[in-house]
């Protein structure tokens, strides 16, 4: 992986994290759904 592709991946990841933390509903889903799925599908 060269430096340019790493920079592109890092910029996309940064953008996605900003969108997730800006939208509270998505953040709640990311925190609540995994334990629920673990309990249901165990």
PDB file of N, CA and C in Angstrom:
ATOM      1  N   UNK A   1       0.860  -1.173   0.000  1.00  0.00           N
ATOM      2  CA  UNK A   1       0.000   0.000   0.000  1.00  0.00           C
ATOM      3  C   UNK A   1       0.904   1.232   0.000  1.00  0.00           C
ATOM      4  N   UNK A   2       0.674   2.090  -0.957  1.00  0.00           N
ATOM      5  CA  UNK A   2       1.531   3.274  -1.007  1.00  0.00           C
ATOM      6  C   UNK A   2       0.942   4.416  -0.183  1.00  0.00           C
ATOM      7  N   UNK A   3       1.686   5.475  -0.083  1.00  0.00           N
ATOM      8  CA  UNK A   3       1.319   6.603   0.778  1.00  0.00           C
ATOM      9  C   UNK A   3       0.033   7.283   0.317  1.00  0.00           C
ATOM     10  N   UNK A   4      -0.184   7.363  -0.999  1.00  0.00           N
ATOM     11  CA  UNK A   4      -1.373   8.034  -1.524  1.00  0.00           C
ATOM     12  C   UNK A   4      -2.642   7.268  -1.161  1.00  0.00           C
ATOM     13  N   UNK A   5      -2.621   5.954  -1.311  1.00  0.00           N
ATOM     14  CA  UNK A   5      -3.818   5.183  -0.991  1.00  0.00           C
ATOM     15  C   UNK A   5      -4.097   5.205   0.513  1.00  0.00           C
ATOM     16  N   UNK A   6      -3.047   5.214   1.336  1.00  0.00           N
ATOM     17  CA  UNK A   6      -3.258   5.316   2.778  1.00  0.00           C
ATOM     18  C   UNK A   6      -3.896   6.655   3.131  1.00  0.00           C
ATOM     19  N   UNK A   7      -3.455   7.733   2.497  1.00  0.00           N
ATOM     20  CA  UNK A   7      -4.032   9.056   2.758  1.00  0.00           C
ATOM     21  C   UNK A   7      -5.493   9.092   2.332  1.00  0.00           C
ATOM     22  N   UNK A   8      -5.821   8.451   1.224  1.00  0.00           N
ATOM     23  CA  UNK A   8      -7.207   8.422   0.763  1.00  0.00           C
ATOM     24  C   UNK A   8      -8.080   7.641   1.741  1.00  0.00           C
ATOM     25  N   UNK A   9      -7.593   6.499   2.194  1.00  0.00           N
ATOM     26  CA  UNK A   9      -8.353   5.703   3.160  1.00  0.00           C
ATOM     27  C   UNK A   9      -8.519   6.466   4.470  1.00  0.00           C
ATOM     28  N   UNK A  10      -7.479   7.139   4.917  1.00  0.00           N
ATOM     29  CA  UNK A  10      -7.547   7.900   6.166  1.00  0.00           C
ATOM     30  C   UNK A  10      -8.539   9.050   6.061  1.00  0.00           C
ATOM     31  N   UNK A  11      -8.583   9.722   4.913  1.00  0.00           N
ATOM     32  CA  UNK A  11      -9.513  10.842   4.767  1.00  0.00           C
ATOM     33  C   UNK A  11     -10.957  10.354   4.733  1.00  0.00           C
ATOM     34  N   UNK A  12     -11.213   9.229   4.086  1.00  0.00           N
ATOM     35  CA  UNK A  12     -12.569   8.677   4.062  1.00  0.00           C
ATOM     36  C   UNK A  12     -12.975   8.219   5.462  1.00  0.00           C
ATOM     37  N   UNK A  13     -12.062   7.570   6.186  1.00  0.00           N
ATOM     38  CA  UNK A  13     -12.365   7.121   7.545  1.00  0.00           C
ATOM     39  C   UNK A  13     -12.656   8.307   8.457  1.00  0.00           C
ATOM     40  N   UNK A  14     -11.885   9.363   8.320  1.00  0.00           N
ATOM     41  CA  UNK A  14     -12.104  10.571   9.134  1.00  0.00           C
ATOM     42  C   UNK A  14     -13.473  11.172   8.851  1.00  0.00           C
ATOM     43  N   UNK A  15     -13.846  11.247   7.577  1.00  0.00           N
ATOM     44  CA  UNK A  15     -15.145  11.788   7.186  1.00  0.00           C
ATOM     45  C   UNK A  15     -16.275  10.942   7.768  1.00  0.00           C
ATOM     46  N   UNK A  16     -16.139   9.627   7.700  1.00  0.00           N
ATOM     47  CA  UNK A  16     -17.183   8.745   8.211  1.00  0.00           C
ATOM     48  C   UNK A  16     -17.315   8.869   9.731  1.00  0.00           C
ATOM     49  N   UNK A  17     -16.204   8.931  10.459  1.00  0.00           N
ATOM     50  CA  UNK A  17     -16.278   9.112  11.907  1.00  0.00           C
ATOM     51  C   UNK A  17     -16.951  10.427  12.264  1.00  0.00           C
ATOM     52  N   UNK A  18     -16.666  11.489  11.525  1.00  0.00           N
ATOM     53  CA  UNK A  18     -17.314  12.773  11.797  1.00  0.00           C
ATOM     54  C   UNK A  18     -18.815  12.681  11.570  1.00  0.00           C
ATOM     55  N   UNK A  19     -19.233  11.991  10.521  1.00  0.00           N
ATOM     56  CA  UNK A  19     -20.664  11.838  10.262  1.00  0.00           C
ATOM     57  C   UNK A  19     -21.332  11.010  11.354  1.00  0.00           C
ATOM     58  N   UNK A  20     -20.666   9.957  11.810  1.00  0.00           N
ATOM     59  CA  UNK A  20     -21.244   9.112  12.856  1.00  0.00           C
ATOM     60  C   UNK A  20     -21.399   9.897  14.152  1.00  0.00           C
ATOM     61  N   UNK A  21     -20.377  10.650  14.543  1.00  0.00           N
ATOM     62  CA  UNK A  21     -20.459  11.376  15.809  1.00  0.00           C
ATOM     63  C   UNK A  21     -21.359  12.602  15.720  1.00  0.00           C
ATOM     64  N   UNK A  22     -21.628  13.089  14.513  1.00  0.00           N
ATOM     65  CA  UNK A  22     -22.535  14.211  14.346  1.00  0.00           C
ATOM     66  C   UNK A  22     -23.988  13.761  14.485  1.00  0.00           C
ATOM     67  N   UNK A  23     -24.288  12.546  14.032  1.00  0.00           N
ATOM     68  CA  UNK A  23     -25.660  12.040  14.058  1.00  0.00           C
ATOM     69  C   UNK A  23     -25.832  11.128  15.274  1.00  0.00           C
ATOM     70  N   UNK A  24     -26.559  11.586  16.258  1.00  0.00           N
ATOM     71  CA  UNK A  24     -26.696  10.867  17.524  1.00  0.00           C
ATOM     72  C   UNK A  24     -27.426   9.532  17.352  1.00  0.00           C
ATOM     73  N   UNK A  25     -28.391   9.455  16.412  1.00  0.00           N
ATOM     74  CA  UNK A  25     -29.122   8.203  16.226  1.00  0.00           C
ATOM     75  C   UNK A  25     -28.193   7.074  15.804  1.00  0.00           C
ATOM     76  N   UNK A  26     -27.277   7.368  14.904  1.00  0.00           N
ATOM     77  CA  UNK A  26     -26.333   6.348  14.446  1.00  0.00           C
ATOM     78  C   UNK A  26     -25.416   5.941  15.592  1.00  0.00           C
ATOM     79  N   UNK A  27     -24.980   6.897  16.382  1.00  0.00           N
ATOM     80  CA  UNK A  27     -24.111   6.588  17.518  1.00  0.00           C
ATOM     81  C   UNK A  27     -24.830   5.685  18.519  1.00  0.00           C
ATOM     82  N   UNK A  28     -26.104   5.958  18.772  1.00  0.00           N
ATOM     83  CA  UNK A  28     -26.886   5.119  19.684  1.00  0.00           C
ATOM     84  C   UNK A  28     -27.025   3.709  19.122  1.00  0.00           C
ATOM     85  N   UNK A  29     -27.287   3.611  17.814  1.00  0.00           N
ATOM     86  CA  UNK A  29     -27.398   2.288  17.201  1.00  0.00           C
ATOM     87  C   UNK A  29     -26.091   1.510  17.311  1.00  0.00           C
ATOM     88  N   UNK A  30     -24.973   2.196  17.123  1.00  0.00           N
ATOM     89  CA  UNK A  30     -23.679   1.518  17.209  1.00  0.00           C
ATOM     90  C   UNK A  30     -23.384   1.019  18.616  1.00  0.00           C
ATOM     91  N   UNK A  31     -23.926   1.692  19.626  1.00  0.00           N
ATOM     92  CA  UNK A  31     -23.670   1.291  21.009  1.00  0.00           C
ATOM     93  C   UNK A  31     -24.687   0.245  21.477  1.00  0.00           C
ATOM     94  N   UNK A  32     -25.947   0.367  21.043  1.00  0.00           N
ATOM     95  CA  UNK A  32     -27.023  -0.472  21.575  1.00  0.00           C
ATOM     96  C   UNK A  32     -27.175  -1.791  20.812  1.00  0.00           C
ATOM     97  N   UNK A  33     -27.046  -1.783  19.503  1.00  0.00           N
ATOM     98  CA  UNK A  33     -27.341  -2.985  18.729  1.00  0.00           C
ATOM     99  C   UNK A  33     -26.411  -4.178  18.976  1.00  0.00           C
ATOM    100  N   UNK A  34     -25.105  -4.010  19.090  1.00  0.00           N
ATOM    101  CA  UNK A  34     -24.273  -5.206  19.307  1.00  0.00           C
ATOM    102  C   UNK A  34     -24.627  -6.023  20.560  1.00  0.00           C
ATOM    103  N   UNK A  35     -24.866  -5.395  21.723  1.00  0.00           N
ATOM    104  CA  UNK A  35     -25.284  -6.225  22.873  1.00  0.00           C
ATOM    105  C   UNK A  35     -26.634  -6.905  22.656  1.00  0.00           C
ATOM    106  N   UNK A  36     -27.557  -6.229  21.977  1.00  0.00           N
ATOM    107  CA  UNK A  36     -28.862  -6.838  21.709  1.00  0.00           C
ATOM    108  C   UNK A  36     -28.700  -8.048  20.799  1.00  0.00           C
ATOM    109  N   UNK A  37     -27.897  -7.910  19.739  1.00  0.00           N
ATOM    110  CA  UNK A  37     -27.658  -9.037  18.844  1.00  0.00           C
ATOM    111  C   UNK A  37     -26.964 -10.184  19.577  1.00  0.00           C
ATOM    112  N   UNK A  38     -26.074  -9.849  20.491  1.00  0.00           N
ATOM    113  CA  UNK A  38     -25.395 -10.892  21.259  1.00  0.00           C
ATOM    114  C   UNK A  38     -26.390 -11.641  22.143  1.00  0.00           C
ATOM    115  N   UNK A  39     -27.320 -10.923  22.748  1.00  0.00           N
ATOM    116  CA  UNK A  39     -28.327 -11.578  23.578  1.00  0.00           C
ATOM    117  C   UNK A  39     -29.283 -12.421  22.746  1.00  0.00           C
ATOM    118  N   UNK A  40     -29.689 -11.920  21.581  1.00  0.00           N
ATOM    119  CA  UNK A  40     -30.667 -12.625  20.758  1.00  0.00           C
ATOM    120  C   UNK A  40     -30.050 -13.845  20.080  1.00  0.00           C
ATOM    121  N   UNK A  41     -28.872 -13.655  19.478  1.00  0.00           N
ATOM    122  CA  UNK A  41     -28.274 -14.728  18.687  1.00  0.00           C
ATOM    123  C   UNK A  41     -27.197 -15.502  19.438  1.00  0.00           C
ATOM    124  N   UNK A  42     -26.826 -15.004  20.625  1.00  0.00           N
ATOM    125  CA  UNK A  42     -25.901 -15.570  21.546  1.00  0.00           C
ATOM    126  C   UNK A  42     -24.879 -16.482  21.064  1.00  0.00           C
TER     127      UNK A  42
END
